[in-house]
PDB file of N, CA and C in Angstrom:
ATOM      1  N   UNK A   1    -196.473  -7.120  11.461  1.00  0.00           N
ATOM      2  CA  UNK A   1    -195.801  -8.390  11.292  1.00  0.00           C
ATOM      3  C   UNK A   1    -196.570  -9.299  10.333  1.00  0.00           C
ATOM      4  N   UNK A   2    -197.896  -9.298  10.428  1.00  0.00           N
ATOM      5  CA  UNK A   2    -198.717 -10.132   9.549  1.00  0.00           C
ATOM      6  C   UNK A   2    -198.461  -9.768   8.095  1.00  0.00           C
ATOM      7  N   UNK A   3    -198.334  -8.476   7.814  1.00  0.00           N
ATOM      8  CA  UNK A   3    -198.104  -8.030   6.443  1.00  0.00           C
ATOM      9  C   UNK A   3    -196.770  -8.538   5.920  1.00  0.00           C
ATOM     10  N   UNK A   4    -195.741  -8.443   6.737  1.00  0.00           N
ATOM     11  CA  UNK A   4    -194.419  -8.906   6.332  1.00  0.00           C
ATOM     12  C   UNK A   4    -194.410 -10.413   6.099  1.00  0.00           C
ATOM     13  N   UNK A   5    -195.114 -11.159   6.931  1.00  0.00           N
ATOM     14  CA  UNK A   5    -195.178 -12.615   6.744  1.00  0.00           C
ATOM     15  C   UNK A   5    -195.833 -12.980   5.420  1.00  0.00           C
ATOM     16  N   UNK A   6    -196.921 -12.297   5.076  1.00  0.00           N
ATOM     17  CA  UNK A   6    -197.603 -12.576   3.810  1.00  0.00           C
ATOM     18  C   UNK A   6    -196.699 -12.226   2.631  1.00  0.00           C
ATOM     19  N   UNK A   7    -196.025 -11.089   2.694  1.00  0.00           N
ATOM     20  CA  UNK A   7    -195.114 -10.680   1.627  1.00  0.00           C
ATOM     21  C   UNK A   7    -193.971 -11.684   1.478  1.00  0.00           C
ATOM     22  N   UNK A   8    -193.299 -11.998   2.580  1.00  0.00           N
ATOM     23  CA  UNK A   8    -192.168 -12.921   2.533  1.00  0.00           C
ATOM     24  C   UNK A   8    -192.597 -14.299   2.040  1.00  0.00           C
ATOM     25  N   UNK A   9    -193.775 -14.734   2.408  1.00  0.00           N
ATOM     26  CA  UNK A   9    -194.283 -16.027   1.961  1.00  0.00           C
ATOM     27  C   UNK A   9    -194.389 -16.074   0.442  1.00  0.00           C
ATOM     28  N   UNK A  10    -194.911 -15.024  -0.165  1.00  0.00           N
ATOM     29  CA  UNK A  10    -195.036 -14.979  -1.619  1.00  0.00           C
ATOM     30  C   UNK A  10    -193.667 -14.977  -2.284  1.00  0.00           C
ATOM     31  N   UNK A  11    -192.738 -14.189  -1.771  1.00  0.00           N
ATOM     32  CA  UNK A  11    -191.390 -14.140  -2.345  1.00  0.00           C
ATOM     33  C   UNK A  11    -190.742 -15.522  -2.300  1.00  0.00           C
ATOM     34  N   UNK A  12    -190.825 -16.193  -1.155  1.00  0.00           N
ATOM     35  CA  UNK A  12    -190.245 -17.532  -1.030  1.00  0.00           C
ATOM     36  C   UNK A  12    -190.920 -18.531  -1.968  1.00  0.00           C
ATOM     37  N   UNK A  13    -192.221 -18.435  -2.115  1.00  0.00           N
ATOM     38  CA  UNK A  13    -192.945 -19.351  -2.991  1.00  0.00           C
ATOM     39  C   UNK A  13    -192.548 -19.162  -4.451  1.00  0.00           C
ATOM     40  N   UNK A  14    -192.229 -17.951  -4.827  1.00  0.00           N
ATOM     41  CA  UNK A  14    -191.833 -17.689  -6.213  1.00  0.00           C
ATOM     42  C   UNK A  14    -190.424 -18.168  -6.514  1.00  0.00           C
ATOM     43  N   UNK A  15    -189.679 -18.479  -5.499  1.00  0.00           N
ATOM     44  CA  UNK A  15    -188.320 -18.982  -5.680  1.00  0.00           C
ATOM     45  C   UNK A  15    -188.274 -20.506  -5.708  1.00  0.00           C
ATOM     46  N   UNK A  16    -189.432 -21.145  -5.521  1.00  0.00           N
ATOM     47  CA  UNK A  16    -189.493 -22.607  -5.495  1.00  0.00           C
ATOM     48  C   UNK A  16    -190.650 -23.088  -6.359  1.00  0.00           C
ATOM     49  N   UNK A  17    -190.595 -24.326  -6.745  1.00  0.00           N
ATOM     50  CA  UNK A  17    -191.689 -24.929  -7.516  1.00  0.00           C
ATOM     51  C   UNK A  17    -192.750 -25.501  -6.582  1.00  0.00           C
ATOM     52  N   UNK A  18    -193.922 -25.749  -7.125  1.00  0.00           N
ATOM     53  CA  UNK A  18    -194.998 -26.468  -6.441  1.00  0.00           C
ATOM     54  C   UNK A  18    -195.488 -25.775  -5.169  1.00  0.00           C
ATOM     55  N   UNK A  19    -195.900 -24.549  -5.311  1.00  0.00           N
ATOM     56  CA  UNK A  19    -196.452 -23.804  -4.186  1.00  0.00           C
ATOM     57  C   UNK A  19    -197.828 -23.280  -4.543  1.00  0.00           C
ATOM     58  N   UNK A  20    -198.538 -22.845  -3.525  1.00  0.00           N
ATOM     59  CA  UNK A  20    -199.852 -22.248  -3.756  1.00  0.00           C
ATOM     60  C   UNK A  20    -200.096 -21.138  -2.746  1.00  0.00           C
ATOM     61  N   UNK A  21    -200.982 -20.234  -3.121  1.00  0.00           N
ATOM     62  CA  UNK A  21    -201.376 -19.146  -2.242  1.00  0.00           C
ATOM     63  C   UNK A  21    -202.349 -19.712  -1.207  1.00  0.00           C
ATOM     64  N   UNK A  22    -202.157 -19.322   0.040  1.00  0.00           N
ATOM     65  CA  UNK A  22    -202.961 -19.888   1.117  1.00  0.00           C
ATOM     66  C   UNK A  22    -204.026 -18.952   1.668  1.00  0.00           C
ATOM     67  N   UNK A  23    -204.051 -17.707   1.256  1.00  0.00           N
ATOM     68  CA  UNK A  23    -205.056 -16.799   1.788  1.00  0.00           C
ATOM     69  C   UNK A  23    -205.120 -15.493   1.038  1.00  0.00           C
ATOM     70  N   UNK A  24    -206.109 -14.697   1.377  1.00  0.00           N
ATOM     71  CA  UNK A  24    -206.310 -13.423   0.699  1.00  0.00           C
ATOM     72  C   UNK A  24    -205.167 -12.441   0.912  1.00  0.00           C
ATOM     73  N   UNK A  25    -204.489 -12.504   2.051  1.00  0.00           N
ATOM     74  CA  UNK A  25    -203.367 -11.591   2.275  1.00  0.00           C
ATOM     75  C   UNK A  25    -202.257 -11.877   1.271  1.00  0.00           C
ATOM     76  N   UNK A  26    -201.912 -13.140   1.117  1.00  0.00           N
ATOM     77  CA  UNK A  26    -200.892 -13.501   0.136  1.00  0.00           C
ATOM     78  C   UNK A  26    -201.351 -13.124  -1.269  1.00  0.00           C
ATOM     79  N   UNK A  27    -202.608 -13.397  -1.574  1.00  0.00           N
ATOM     80  CA  UNK A  27    -203.144 -13.085  -2.895  1.00  0.00           C
ATOM     81  C   UNK A  27    -203.092 -11.587  -3.173  1.00  0.00           C
ATOM     82  N   UNK A  28    -203.462 -10.781  -2.198  1.00  0.00           N
ATOM     83  CA  UNK A  28    -203.468  -9.331  -2.390  1.00  0.00           C
ATOM     84  C   UNK A  28    -202.066  -8.819  -2.695  1.00  0.00           C
ATOM     85  N   UNK A  29    -201.073  -9.251  -1.925  1.00  0.00           N
ATOM     86  CA  UNK A  29    -199.695  -8.816  -2.189  1.00  0.00           C
ATOM     87  C   UNK A  29    -199.237  -9.307  -3.561  1.00  0.00           C
ATOM     88  N   UNK A  30    -199.488 -10.578  -3.857  1.00  0.00           N
ATOM     89  CA  UNK A  30    -199.062 -11.166  -5.134  1.00  0.00           C
ATOM     90  C   UNK A  30    -199.709 -10.444  -6.319  1.00  0.00           C
ATOM     91  N   UNK A  31    -200.977 -10.117  -6.199  1.00  0.00           N
ATOM     92  CA  UNK A  31    -201.679  -9.417  -7.270  1.00  0.00           C
ATOM     93  C   UNK A  31    -201.107  -8.014  -7.468  1.00  0.00           C
ATOM     94  N   UNK A  32    -200.858  -7.308  -6.381  1.00  0.00           N
ATOM     95  CA  UNK A  32    -200.246  -5.987  -6.493  1.00  0.00           C
ATOM     96  C   UNK A  32    -198.865  -6.055  -7.110  1.00  0.00           C
ATOM     97  N   UNK A  33    -198.065  -7.026  -6.676  1.00  0.00           N
ATOM     98  CA  UNK A  33    -196.718  -7.189  -7.215  1.00  0.00           C
ATOM     99  C   UNK A  33    -196.763  -7.533  -8.697  1.00  0.00           C
ATOM    100  N   UNK A  34    -197.619  -8.453  -9.078  1.00  0.00           N
ATOM    101  CA  UNK A  34    -197.692  -8.853 -10.483  1.00  0.00           C
ATOM    102  C   UNK A  34    -198.202  -7.694 -11.346  1.00  0.00           C
ATOM    103  N   UNK A  35    -199.092  -6.883 -10.803  1.00  0.00           N
ATOM    104  CA  UNK A  35    -199.552  -5.693 -11.519  1.00  0.00           C
ATOM    105  C   UNK A  35    -198.386  -4.743 -11.773  1.00  0.00           C
ATOM    106  N   UNK A  36    -197.580  -4.535 -10.750  1.00  0.00           N
ATOM    107  CA  UNK A  36    -196.420  -3.654 -10.893  1.00  0.00           C
ATOM    108  C   UNK A  36    -195.426  -4.208 -11.899  1.00  0.00           C
ATOM    109  N   UNK A  37    -195.098  -5.481 -11.795  1.00  0.00           N
ATOM    110  CA  UNK A  37    -194.098  -6.086 -12.667  1.00  0.00           C
ATOM    111  C   UNK A  37    -194.551  -6.137 -14.128  1.00  0.00           C
ATOM    112  N   UNK A  38    -195.825  -6.388 -14.339  1.00  0.00           N
ATOM    113  CA  UNK A  38    -196.349  -6.542 -15.701  1.00  0.00           C
ATOM    114  C   UNK A  38    -196.791  -5.226 -16.327  1.00  0.00           C
ATOM    115  N   UNK A  39    -197.035  -4.216 -15.492  1.00  0.00           N
ATOM    116  CA  UNK A  39    -197.550  -2.959 -16.007  1.00  0.00           C
ATOM    117  C   UNK A  39    -199.043  -2.998 -16.297  1.00  0.00           C
ATOM    118  N   UNK A  40    -199.711  -4.060 -15.865  1.00  0.00           N
ATOM    119  CA  UNK A  40    -201.155  -4.201 -16.069  1.00  0.00           C
ATOM    120  C   UNK A  40    -201.863  -3.575 -14.874  1.00  0.00           C
ATOM    121  N   UNK A  41    -202.596  -2.496 -15.130  1.00  0.00           N
ATOM    122  CA  UNK A  41    -203.252  -1.752 -14.052  1.00  0.00           C
ATOM    123  C   UNK A  41    -204.418  -2.529 -13.460  1.00  0.00           C
ATOM    124  N   UNK A  42    -204.587  -2.347 -12.166  1.00  0.00           N
ATOM    125  CA  UNK A  42    -205.740  -2.901 -11.461  1.00  0.00           C
ATOM    126  C   UNK A  42    -206.807  -1.823 -11.361  1.00  0.00           C
ATOM    127  N   UNK A  43    -208.080  -2.210 -11.312  1.00  0.00           N
ATOM    128  CA  UNK A  43    -209.131  -1.198 -11.182  1.00  0.00           C
ATOM    129  C   UNK A  43    -209.012  -0.469  -9.841  1.00  0.00           C
ATOM    130  N   UNK A  44    -209.102   0.858  -9.876  1.00  0.00           N
ATOM    131  CA  UNK A  44    -208.970   1.658  -8.653  1.00  0.00           C
ATOM    132  C   UNK A  44    -210.268   1.654  -7.857  1.00  0.00           C
ATOM    133  N   UNK A  45    -210.123   1.719  -6.541  1.00  0.00           N
ATOM    134  CA  UNK A  45    -211.265   1.832  -5.669  1.00  0.00           C
ATOM    135  C   UNK A  45    -212.073   0.557  -5.512  1.00  0.00           C
ATOM    136  N   UNK A  46    -211.560  -0.547  -5.977  1.00  0.00           N
ATOM    137  CA  UNK A  46    -212.280  -1.813  -5.902  1.00  0.00           C
ATOM    138  C   UNK A  46    -211.792  -2.607  -4.699  1.00  0.00           C
ATOM    139  N   UNK A  47    -212.696  -3.213  -3.960  1.00  0.00           N
ATOM    140  CA  UNK A  47    -212.309  -4.053  -2.824  1.00  0.00           C
ATOM    141  C   UNK A  47    -212.717  -5.504  -3.039  1.00  0.00           C
ATOM    142  N   UNK A  48    -213.197  -5.828  -4.221  1.00  0.00           N
ATOM    143  CA  UNK A  48    -213.595  -7.199  -4.542  1.00  0.00           C
ATOM    144  C   UNK A  48    -212.395  -7.932  -5.133  1.00  0.00           C
ATOM    145  N   UNK A  49    -211.682  -8.665  -4.288  1.00  0.00           N
ATOM    146  CA  UNK A  49    -210.450  -9.330  -4.698  1.00  0.00           C
ATOM    147  C   UNK A  49    -210.696 -10.333  -5.820  1.00  0.00           C
ATOM    148  N   UNK A  50    -211.768 -11.055  -5.733  1.00  0.00           N
ATOM    149  CA  UNK A  50    -212.077 -12.057  -6.757  1.00  0.00           C
ATOM    150  C   UNK A  50    -212.241 -11.393  -8.124  1.00  0.00           C
ATOM    151  N   UNK A  51    -212.969 -10.288  -8.175  1.00  0.00           N
ATOM    152  CA  UNK A  51    -213.171  -9.585  -9.432  1.00  0.00           C
ATOM    153  C   UNK A  51    -211.859  -8.993  -9.955  1.00  0.00           C
ATOM    154  N   UNK A  52    -211.057  -8.400  -9.053  1.00  0.00           N
ATOM    155  CA  UNK A  52    -209.774  -7.833  -9.478  1.00  0.00           C
ATOM    156  C   UNK A  52    -208.857  -8.909 -10.032  1.00  0.00           C
ATOM    157  N   UNK A  53    -208.801 -10.047  -9.355  1.00  0.00           N
ATOM    158  CA  UNK A  53    -207.946 -11.134  -9.807  1.00  0.00           C
ATOM    159  C   UNK A  53    -208.404 -11.642 -11.170  1.00  0.00           C
ATOM    160  N   UNK A  54    -209.696 -11.850 -11.336  1.00  0.00           N
ATOM    161  CA  UNK A  54    -210.204 -12.332 -12.620  1.00  0.00           C
ATOM    162  C   UNK A  54    -209.920 -11.345 -13.746  1.00  0.00           C
ATOM    163  N   UNK A  55    -210.116 -10.052 -13.497  1.00  0.00           N
ATOM    164  CA  UNK A  55    -209.825  -9.032 -14.510  1.00  0.00           C
ATOM    165  C   UNK A  55    -208.342  -9.030 -14.859  1.00  0.00           C
ATOM    166  N   UNK A  56    -207.503  -9.115 -13.827  1.00  0.00           N
ATOM    167  CA  UNK A  56    -206.063  -9.128 -14.076  1.00  0.00           C
ATOM    168  C   UNK A  56    -205.664 -10.345 -14.906  1.00  0.00           C
ATOM    169  N   UNK A  57    -206.160 -11.509 -14.532  1.00  0.00           N
ATOM    170  CA  UNK A  57    -205.801 -12.730 -15.263  1.00  0.00           C
ATOM    171  C   UNK A  57    -206.257 -12.658 -16.720  1.00  0.00           C
ATOM    172  N   UNK A  58    -207.401 -12.070 -16.965  1.00  0.00           N
ATOM    173  CA  UNK A  58    -207.891 -11.903 -18.333  1.00  0.00           C
ATOM    174  C   UNK A  58    -206.962 -10.981 -19.130  1.00  0.00           C
ATOM    175  N   UNK A  59    -206.583  -9.850 -18.537  1.00  0.00           N
ATOM    176  CA  UNK A  59    -205.700  -8.891 -19.199  1.00  0.00           C
ATOM    177  C   UNK A  59    -204.286  -9.434 -19.402  1.00  0.00           C
ATOM    178  N   UNK A  60    -203.875 -10.370 -18.554  1.00  0.00           N
ATOM    179  CA  UNK A  60    -202.493 -10.854 -18.604  1.00  0.00           C
ATOM    180  C   UNK A  60    -202.291 -12.055 -19.522  1.00  0.00           C
ATOM    181  N   UNK A  61    -203.315 -12.468 -20.225  1.00  0.00           N
ATOM    182  CA  UNK A  61    -203.204 -13.676 -21.050  1.00  0.00           C
ATOM    183  C   UNK A  61    -202.063 -13.632 -22.054  1.00  0.00           C
ATOM    184  N   UNK A  62    -201.736 -12.500 -22.615  1.00  0.00           N
ATOM    185  CA  UNK A  62    -200.638 -12.414 -23.577  1.00  0.00           C
ATOM    186  C   UNK A  62    -199.322 -11.975 -22.967  1.00  0.00           C
ATOM    187  N   UNK A  63    -199.300 -11.813 -21.661  1.00  0.00           N
ATOM    188  CA  UNK A  63    -198.098 -11.322 -20.996  1.00  0.00           C
ATOM    189  C   UNK A  63    -197.011 -12.400 -20.971  1.00  0.00           C
ATOM    190  N   UNK A  64    -195.810 -12.004 -21.319  1.00  0.00           N
ATOM    191  CA  UNK A  64    -194.660 -12.911 -21.276  1.00  0.00           C
ATOM    192  C   UNK A  64    -193.820 -12.585 -20.043  1.00  0.00           C
ATOM    193  N   UNK A  65    -193.734 -13.525 -19.139  1.00  0.00           N
ATOM    194  CA  UNK A  65    -192.948 -13.347 -17.917  1.00  0.00           C
ATOM    195  C   UNK A  65    -191.485 -13.148 -18.262  1.00  0.00           C
ATOM    196  N   UNK A  66    -190.831 -12.238 -17.553  1.00  0.00           N
ATOM    197  CA  UNK A  66    -189.416 -11.990 -17.813  1.00  0.00           C
ATOM    198  C   UNK A  66    -188.509 -12.799 -16.896  1.00  0.00           C
ATOM    199  N   UNK A  67    -189.096 -13.481 -15.923  1.00  0.00           N
ATOM    200  CA  UNK A  67    -188.283 -14.300 -15.024  1.00  0.00           C
ATOM    201  C   UNK A  67    -189.081 -15.522 -14.587  1.00  0.00           C
ATOM    202  N   UNK A  68    -188.368 -16.473 -14.064  1.00  0.00           N
ATOM    203  CA  UNK A  68    -189.001 -17.683 -13.541  1.00  0.00           C
ATOM    204  C   UNK A  68    -189.902 -17.347 -12.346  1.00  0.00           C
ATOM    205  N   UNK A  69    -189.486 -16.381 -11.540  1.00  0.00           N
ATOM    206  CA  UNK A  69    -190.289 -15.974 -10.392  1.00  0.00           C
ATOM    207  C   UNK A  69    -191.635 -15.402 -10.851  1.00  0.00           C
ATOM    208  N   UNK A  70    -191.625 -14.576 -11.885  1.00  0.00           N
ATOM    209  CA  UNK A  70    -192.879 -14.034 -12.415  1.00  0.00           C
ATOM    210  C   UNK A  70    -193.772 -15.142 -12.957  1.00  0.00           C
ATOM    211  N   UNK A  71    -193.187 -16.097 -13.649  1.00  0.00           N
ATOM    212  CA  UNK A  71    -193.966 -17.219 -14.187  1.00  0.00           C
ATOM    213  C   UNK A  71    -194.641 -17.976 -13.053  1.00  0.00           C
ATOM    214  N   UNK A  72    -193.892 -18.235 -11.987  1.00  0.00           N
ATOM    215  CA  UNK A  72    -194.471 -18.930 -10.828  1.00  0.00           C
ATOM    216  C   UNK A  72    -195.557 -18.091 -10.167  1.00  0.00           C
ATOM    217  N   UNK A  73    -195.318 -16.787 -10.066  1.00  0.00           N
ATOM    218  CA  UNK A  73    -196.293 -15.900  -9.454  1.00  0.00           C
ATOM    219  C   UNK A  73    -197.608 -15.907 -10.231  1.00  0.00           C
ATOM    220  N   UNK A  74    -197.536 -15.820 -11.546  1.00  0.00           N
ATOM    221  CA  UNK A  74    -198.754 -15.896 -12.362  1.00  0.00           C
ATOM    222  C   UNK A  74    -199.456 -17.235 -12.175  1.00  0.00           C
ATOM    223  N   UNK A  75    -198.676 -18.291 -12.102  1.00  0.00           N
ATOM    224  CA  UNK A  75    -199.245 -19.628 -11.945  1.00  0.00           C
ATOM    225  C   UNK A  75    -200.006 -19.765 -10.626  1.00  0.00           C
ATOM    226  N   UNK A  76    -199.411 -19.315  -9.536  1.00  0.00           N
ATOM    227  CA  UNK A  76    -200.096 -19.465  -8.247  1.00  0.00           C
ATOM    228  C   UNK A  76    -201.278 -18.508  -8.126  1.00  0.00           C
ATOM    229  N   UNK A  77    -201.203 -17.341  -8.777  1.00  0.00           N
ATOM    230  CA  UNK A  77    -202.358 -16.444  -8.794  1.00  0.00           C
ATOM    231  C   UNK A  77    -203.530 -17.071  -9.542  1.00  0.00           C
ATOM    232  N   UNK A  78    -203.240 -17.683 -10.680  1.00  0.00           N
ATOM    233  CA  UNK A  78    -204.298 -18.288 -11.496  1.00  0.00           C
ATOM    234  C   UNK A  78    -204.974 -19.460 -10.785  1.00  0.00           C
ATOM    235  N   UNK A  79    -204.254 -20.121  -9.893  1.00  0.00           N
ATOM    236  CA  UNK A  79    -204.802 -21.289  -9.208  1.00  0.00           C
ATOM    237  C   UNK A  79    -205.591 -20.936  -7.943  1.00  0.00           C
ATOM    238  N   UNK A  80    -205.498 -19.685  -7.491  1.00  0.00           N
ATOM    239  CA  UNK A  80    -206.133 -19.299  -6.232  1.00  0.00           C
ATOM    240  C   UNK A  80    -207.565 -18.821  -6.456  1.00  0.00           C
ATOM    241  N   UNK A  81    -208.444 -19.154  -5.522  1.00  0.00           N
ATOM    242  CA  UNK A  81    -209.844 -18.725  -5.550  1.00  0.00           C
ATOM    243  C   UNK A  81    -210.121 -17.921  -4.279  1.00  0.00           C
ATOM    244  N   UNK A  82    -210.023 -16.597  -4.381  1.00  0.00           N
ATOM    245  CA  UNK A  82    -210.146 -15.766  -3.174  1.00  0.00           C
ATOM    246  C   UNK A  82    -211.569 -15.588  -2.691  1.00  0.00           C
ATOM    247  N   UNK A  83    -211.673 -15.227  -1.420  1.00  0.00           N
ATOM    248  CA  UNK A  83    -212.934 -14.709  -0.898  1.00  0.00           C
ATOM    249  C   UNK A  83    -213.099 -13.328  -1.530  1.00  0.00           C
ATOM    250  N   UNK A  84    -214.299 -12.850  -1.603  1.00  0.00           N
ATOM    251  CA  UNK A  84    -214.582 -11.648  -2.385  1.00  0.00           C
ATOM    252  C   UNK A  84    -213.955 -10.370  -1.830  1.00  0.00           C
ATOM    253  N   UNK A  85    -214.141 -10.074  -0.568  1.00  0.00           N
ATOM    254  CA  UNK A  85    -213.784  -8.756  -0.047  1.00  0.00           C
ATOM    255  C   UNK A  85    -212.370  -8.673   0.518  1.00  0.00           C
ATOM    256  N   UNK A  86    -211.774  -7.502   0.325  1.00  0.00           N
ATOM    257  CA  UNK A  86    -210.483  -7.193   0.923  1.00  0.00           C
ATOM    258  C   UNK A  86    -210.702  -6.428   2.218  1.00  0.00           C
ATOM    259  N   UNK A  87    -210.001  -6.823   3.277  1.00  0.00           N
ATOM    260  CA  UNK A  87    -210.062  -6.024   4.489  1.00  0.00           C
ATOM    261  C   UNK A  87    -208.936  -4.991   4.440  1.00  0.00           C
ATOM    262  N   UNK A  88    -208.795  -4.225   5.498  1.00  0.00           N
ATOM    263  CA  UNK A  88    -207.817  -3.139   5.523  1.00  0.00           C
ATOM    264  C   UNK A  88    -206.380  -3.644   5.335  1.00  0.00           C
ATOM    265  N   UNK A  89    -206.028  -4.737   5.998  1.00  0.00           N
ATOM    266  CA  UNK A  89    -204.667  -5.262   5.874  1.00  0.00           C
ATOM    267  C   UNK A  89    -204.404  -5.824   4.470  1.00  0.00           C
ATOM    268  N   UNK A  90    -205.393  -6.462   3.883  1.00  0.00           N
ATOM    269  CA  UNK A  90    -205.229  -6.968   2.520  1.00  0.00           C
ATOM    270  C   UNK A  90    -205.039  -5.806   1.540  1.00  0.00           C
ATOM    271  N   UNK A  91    -205.760  -4.706   1.749  1.00  0.00           N
ATOM    272  CA  UNK A  91    -205.580  -3.525   0.897  1.00  0.00           C
ATOM    273  C   UNK A  91    -204.163  -2.969   1.049  1.00  0.00           C
ATOM    274  N   UNK A  92    -203.639  -2.967   2.265  1.00  0.00           N
ATOM    275  CA  UNK A  92    -202.254  -2.529   2.484  1.00  0.00           C
ATOM    276  C   UNK A  92    -201.278  -3.407   1.713  1.00  0.00           C
ATOM    277  N   UNK A  93    -201.510  -4.711   1.741  1.00  0.00           N
ATOM    278  CA  UNK A  93    -200.633  -5.635   1.023  1.00  0.00           C
ATOM    279  C   UNK A  93    -200.727  -5.439  -0.482  1.00  0.00           C
ATOM    280  N   UNK A  94    -201.908  -5.208  -0.985  1.00  0.00           N
ATOM    281  CA  UNK A  94    -202.091  -4.937  -2.410  1.00  0.00           C
ATOM    282  C   UNK A  94    -201.274  -3.713  -2.806  1.00  0.00           C
ATOM    283  N   UNK A  95    -201.384  -2.642  -2.032  1.00  0.00           N
ATOM    284  CA  UNK A  95    -200.641  -1.414  -2.318  1.00  0.00           C
ATOM    285  C   UNK A  95    -199.138  -1.627  -2.184  1.00  0.00           C
ATOM    286  N   UNK A  96    -198.732  -2.426  -1.190  1.00  0.00           N
ATOM    287  CA  UNK A  96    -197.306  -2.713  -1.004  1.00  0.00           C
ATOM    288  C   UNK A  96    -196.761  -3.419  -2.244  1.00  0.00           C
ATOM    289  N   UNK A  97    -197.492  -4.417  -2.713  1.00  0.00           N
ATOM    290  CA  UNK A  97    -197.065  -5.114  -3.919  1.00  0.00           C
ATOM    291  C   UNK A  97    -196.967  -4.189  -5.122  1.00  0.00           C
ATOM    292  N   UNK A  98    -197.898  -3.248  -5.229  1.00  0.00           N
ATOM    293  CA  UNK A  98    -197.913  -2.325  -6.364  1.00  0.00           C
ATOM    294  C   UNK A  98    -196.774  -1.313  -6.324  1.00  0.00           C
ATOM    295  N   UNK A  99    -196.143  -1.161  -5.175  1.00  0.00           N
ATOM    296  CA  UNK A  99    -195.027  -0.209  -5.051  1.00  0.00           C
ATOM    297  C   UNK A  99    -193.715  -0.903  -4.693  1.00  0.00           C
ATOM    298  N   UNK A 100    -193.700  -2.226  -4.732  1.00  0.00           N
ATOM    299  CA  UNK A 100    -192.519  -3.008  -4.339  1.00  0.00           C
ATOM    300  C   UNK A 100    -191.301  -2.580  -5.147  1.00  0.00           C
ATOM    301  N   UNK A 101    -190.251  -2.216  -4.450  1.00  0.00           N
ATOM    302  CA  UNK A 101    -189.004  -1.795  -5.096  1.00  0.00           C
ATOM    303  C   UNK A 101    -187.988  -2.935  -5.224  1.00  0.00           C
ATOM    304  N   UNK A 102    -188.097  -3.939  -4.354  1.00  0.00           N
ATOM    305  CA  UNK A 102    -187.091  -5.013  -4.343  1.00  0.00           C
ATOM    306  C   UNK A 102    -187.762  -6.386  -4.336  1.00  0.00           C
ATOM    307  N   UNK A 103    -188.468  -6.715  -5.434  1.00  0.00           N
ATOM    308  CA  UNK A 103    -189.074  -8.056  -5.448  1.00  0.00           C
ATOM    309  C   UNK A 103    -187.985  -9.125  -5.424  1.00  0.00           C
ATOM    310  N   UNK A 104    -188.341 -10.238  -4.877  1.00  0.00           N
ATOM    311  CA  UNK A 104    -187.498 -11.429  -4.773  1.00  0.00           C
ATOM    312  C   UNK A 104    -186.420 -11.297  -3.704  1.00  0.00           C
ATOM    313  N   UNK A 105    -186.493 -10.268  -2.857  1.00  0.00           N
ATOM    314  CA  UNK A 105    -185.550 -10.128  -1.741  1.00  0.00           C
ATOM    315  C   UNK A 105    -186.303 -10.111  -0.429  1.00  0.00           C
ATOM    316  N   UNK A 106    -185.826 -10.909   0.518  1.00  0.00           N
ATOM    317  CA  UNK A 106    -186.448 -10.972   1.850  1.00  0.00           C
ATOM    318  C   UNK A 106    -185.679 -10.060   2.776  1.00  0.00           C
TER     319      UNK A 106
END
């Protein structure tokens, strides 16, 4: 249930303006989803969320969002400052985002 709440929270936030990521679970799902949508690969075998996010943001500087939801997702990712380590549930959310088949649907 915790995983679904974090996923749904990110989807809802991308459909509205003026939102922010509230924790590492949301960040992990959002980062995985944005990686999938943008085609920008994340480093494999890494559990340092802060490092993964920084690397992704650096690689995504020239990326052009194809939707308003993606633009919002990039914006809230860039504004978040995660704790360093991913726990098991955060890793699950990261992987879920990377394989998401129906973004923007709850």
